[in-house]
Amino acid sequence: MSERTNYGTIAEKIDYTKLDKKLEQLRERPPPKKRKSAGDVLEPVREKLVTLHASGWTYEQLAAELNEAGLPVKVGTLRDYLGHGHGGKNSALRQRRKRRTASATSGAR
């Protein structure tokens, strides 16, 4: 088991003037580039995909068409993105909450 971090001793050693200067330098620079997700690439055509799915196209069929058009996307990713809003972090957060709620209610027996 690891020891707990003692932030009191760390705070005594920090040069806040130097840290503040470093943070100001970061503010002047652009943030590091973020890796694009499937959702980022699908965003421009999201509404069309939602409409197609609502009119009867399955996620499997849409994923196959997207793959054929040069956009490799898995069926589960497409289902997550279109079925739950914008997928990504919020989707994962909802799933974690569901699991916690399910385990809390099953443990309360």
C-alpha atoms as a PDB file:
ATOM      1  CA  MET A   1       0.000   0.000   0.000  1.00  0.00           C
ATOM      2  CA  SER A   2       1.399   3.404  -0.900  1.00  0.00           C
ATOM      3  CA  GLU A   3       1.831   6.165   1.633  1.00  0.00           C
ATOM      4  CA  ARG A   4      -0.459   9.163   1.591  1.00  0.00           C
ATOM      5  CA  THR A   5       0.940  12.327   0.076  1.00  0.00           C
ATOM      6  CA  ASN A   6       1.666  14.996   2.650  1.00  0.00           C
ATOM      7  CA  TYR A   7       0.635  18.171   0.886  1.00  0.00           C
ATOM      8  CA  GLY A   8       1.642  20.269   3.883  1.00  0.00           C
ATOM      9  CA  THR A   9       5.330  19.517   3.396  1.00  0.00           C
ATOM     10  CA  ILE A  10       4.991  19.894  -0.364  1.00  0.00           C
ATOM     11  CA  ALA A  11       3.367  23.329   0.063  1.00  0.00           C
ATOM     12  CA  GLU A  12       6.324  24.448   2.203  1.00  0.00           C
ATOM     13  CA  LYS A  13       8.764  23.566  -0.583  1.00  0.00           C
ATOM     14  CA  ILE A  14       6.911  25.128  -3.532  1.00  0.00           C
ATOM     15  CA  ASP A  15       8.181  28.404  -4.946  1.00  0.00           C
ATOM     16  CA  TYR A  16       4.806  29.961  -5.760  1.00  0.00           C
ATOM     17  CA  THR A  17       6.380  32.925  -7.531  1.00  0.00           C
ATOM     18  CA  LYS A  18       8.152  30.590  -9.939  1.00  0.00           C
ATOM     19  CA  LEU A  19       5.008  28.459 -10.335  1.00  0.00           C
ATOM     20  CA  ASP A  20       2.885  31.531 -11.064  1.00  0.00           C
ATOM     21  CA  LYS A  21       5.388  32.663 -13.716  1.00  0.00           C
ATOM     22  CA  LYS A  22       5.278  29.207 -15.341  1.00  0.00           C
ATOM     23  CA  LEU A  23       1.462  29.224 -15.419  1.00  0.00           C
ATOM     24  CA  GLU A  24       1.461  32.698 -16.999  1.00  0.00           C
ATOM     25  CA  GLN A  25       3.804  31.410 -19.723  1.00  0.00           C
ATOM     26  CA  LEU A  26       1.411  28.528 -20.386  1.00  0.00           C
ATOM     27  CA  ARG A  27      -1.485  30.968 -20.717  1.00  0.00           C
ATOM     28  CA  GLU A  28       0.330  32.699 -23.593  1.00  0.00           C
ATOM     29  CA  ARG A  29       0.874  29.434 -25.509  1.00  0.00           C
ATOM     30  CA  PRO A  30      -1.799  27.516 -27.391  1.00  0.00           C
ATOM     31  CA  PRO A  31      -2.910  24.329 -25.629  1.00  0.00           C
ATOM     32  CA  PRO A  32      -1.497  21.004 -26.830  1.00  0.00           C
ATOM     33  CA  LYS A  33      -3.366  19.468 -29.728  1.00  0.00           C
ATOM     34  CA  LYS A  34      -6.018  16.981 -28.745  1.00  0.00           C
ATOM     35  CA  ARG A  35      -6.425  13.717 -30.579  1.00  0.00           C
ATOM     36  CA  LYS A  36      -9.606  13.653 -32.646  1.00  0.00           C
ATOM     37  CA  SER A  37     -12.295  11.186 -31.669  1.00  0.00           C
ATOM     38  CA  ALA A  38     -14.824   9.429 -33.872  1.00  0.00           C
ATOM     39  CA  GLY A  39     -17.406  11.888 -32.558  1.00  0.00           C
ATOM     40  CA  ASP A  40     -15.324  14.849 -33.735  1.00  0.00           C
ATOM     41  CA  VAL A  41     -15.201  13.394 -37.248  1.00  0.00           C
ATOM     42  CA  LEU A  42     -18.903  12.440 -37.257  1.00  0.00           C
ATOM     43  CA  GLU A  43     -20.159  15.784 -35.911  1.00  0.00           C
ATOM     44  CA  PRO A  44     -20.597  17.477 -39.338  1.00  0.00           C
ATOM     45  CA  VAL A  45     -22.886  14.641 -40.513  1.00  0.00           C
ATOM     46  CA  ARG A  46     -24.518  13.757 -37.189  1.00  0.00           C
ATOM     47  CA  GLU A  47     -27.977  15.112 -38.014  1.00  0.00           C
ATOM     48  CA  LYS A  48     -28.049  13.265 -41.347  1.00  0.00           C
ATOM     49  CA  LEU A  49     -27.054  10.025 -39.614  1.00  0.00           C
ATOM     50  CA  VAL A  50     -29.727  10.517 -36.942  1.00  0.00           C
ATOM     51  CA  THR A  51     -32.334  11.134 -39.654  1.00  0.00           C
ATOM     52  CA  LEU A  52     -31.245   8.053 -41.611  1.00  0.00           C
ATOM     53  CA  HIS A  53     -31.376   5.905 -38.481  1.00  0.00           C
ATOM     54  CA  ALA A  54     -34.822   7.260 -37.603  1.00  0.00           C
ATOM     55  CA  SER A  55     -36.039   6.413 -41.111  1.00  0.00           C
ATOM     56  CA  GLY A  56     -35.041   2.764 -40.745  1.00  0.00           C
ATOM     57  CA  TRP A  57     -31.317   2.394 -41.446  1.00  0.00           C
ATOM     58  CA  THR A  58     -29.626   0.239 -38.810  1.00  0.00           C
ATOM     59  CA  TYR A  59     -26.426   1.209 -37.052  1.00  0.00           C
ATOM     60  CA  GLU A  60     -24.757  -1.759 -38.764  1.00  0.00           C
ATOM     61  CA  GLN A  61     -25.804  -0.540 -42.208  1.00  0.00           C
ATOM     62  CA  LEU A  62     -24.744   3.041 -41.487  1.00  0.00           C
ATOM     63  CA  ALA A  63     -21.373   1.893 -40.121  1.00  0.00           C
ATOM     64  CA  ALA A  64     -20.826  -0.230 -43.244  1.00  0.00           C
ATOM     65  CA  GLU A  65     -21.594   2.758 -45.484  1.00  0.00           C
ATOM     66  CA  LEU A  66     -19.285   5.029 -43.486  1.00  0.00           C
ATOM     67  CA  ASN A  67     -16.506   2.432 -43.656  1.00  0.00           C
ATOM     68  CA  GLU A  68     -16.996   2.147 -47.401  1.00  0.00           C
ATOM     69  CA  ALA A  69     -16.780   5.951 -47.700  1.00  0.00           C
ATOM     70  CA  GLY A  70     -13.394   5.928 -45.944  1.00  0.00           C
ATOM     71  CA  LEU A  71     -14.483   6.649 -42.372  1.00  0.00           C
ATOM     72  CA  PRO A  72     -13.699   3.559 -40.298  1.00  0.00           C
ATOM     73  CA  VAL A  73     -16.191   3.510 -37.434  1.00  0.00           C
ATOM     74  CA  LYS A  74     -17.330   0.580 -35.329  1.00  0.00           C
ATOM     75  CA  VAL A  75     -21.017  -0.156 -34.908  1.00  0.00           C
ATOM     76  CA  GLY A  76     -20.804   0.280 -31.129  1.00  0.00           C
ATOM     77  CA  THR A  77     -19.117   3.641 -31.471  1.00  0.00           C
ATOM     78  CA  LEU A  78     -21.785   4.833 -33.894  1.00  0.00           C
ATOM     79  CA  ARG A  79     -24.569   3.513 -31.655  1.00  0.00           C
ATOM     80  CA  ASP A  80     -23.041   5.248 -28.641  1.00  0.00           C
ATOM     81  CA  TYR A  81     -22.595   8.524 -30.489  1.00  0.00           C
ATOM     82  CA  LEU A  82     -26.002   8.663 -32.140  1.00  0.00           C
ATOM     83  CA  GLY A  83     -28.039   6.841 -29.515  1.00  0.00           C
ATOM     84  CA  HIS A  84     -26.894   8.785 -26.464  1.00  0.00           C
ATOM     85  CA  GLY A  85     -26.434  12.288 -27.731  1.00  0.00           C
ATOM     86  CA  HIS A  86     -22.789  12.977 -28.318  1.00  0.00           C
ATOM     87  CA  GLY A  87     -21.249   9.898 -26.702  1.00  0.00           C
ATOM     88  CA  GLY A  88     -17.732  10.308 -25.383  1.00  0.00           C
ATOM     89  CA  LYS A  89     -17.217  11.385 -21.786  1.00  0.00           C
ATOM     90  CA  ASN A  90     -20.887  11.880 -20.953  1.00  0.00           C
ATOM     91  CA  SER A  91     -21.771   8.429 -22.235  1.00  0.00           C
ATOM     92  CA  ALA A  92     -19.016   6.833 -20.167  1.00  0.00           C
ATOM     93  CA  LEU A  93     -20.107   8.859 -17.138  1.00  0.00           C
ATOM     94  CA  ARG A  94     -23.708   7.666 -17.523  1.00  0.00           C
ATOM     95  CA  GLN A  95     -22.545   4.057 -17.751  1.00  0.00           C
ATOM     96  CA  ARG A  96     -20.445   4.406 -14.584  1.00  0.00           C
ATOM     97  CA  ARG A  97     -23.400   5.953 -12.741  1.00  0.00           C
ATOM     98  CA  LYS A  98     -25.663   3.104 -13.846  1.00  0.00           C
ATOM     99  CA  ARG A  99     -23.159   0.526 -12.616  1.00  0.00           C
ATOM    100  CA  ARG A 100     -22.744   2.311  -9.278  1.00  0.00           C
ATOM    101  CA  THR A 101     -26.496   2.601  -8.810  1.00  0.00           C
ATOM    102  CA  ALA A 102     -26.988  -1.057  -9.753  1.00  0.00           C
ATOM    103  CA  SER A 103     -24.272  -2.250  -7.381  1.00  0.00           C
ATOM    104  CA  ALA A 104     -25.551  -0.008  -4.577  1.00  0.00           C
ATOM    105  CA  THR A 105     -29.095  -1.331  -4.890  1.00  0.00           C
ATOM    106  CA  SER A 106     -27.982  -4.961  -5.152  1.00  0.00           C
ATOM    107  CA  GLY A 107     -25.742  -4.520  -2.116  1.00  0.00           C
ATOM    108  CA  ALA A 108     -28.574  -3.044  -0.053  1.00  0.00           C
ATOM    109  CA  ARG A 109     -30.504  -6.335   0.084  1.00  0.00           C
END
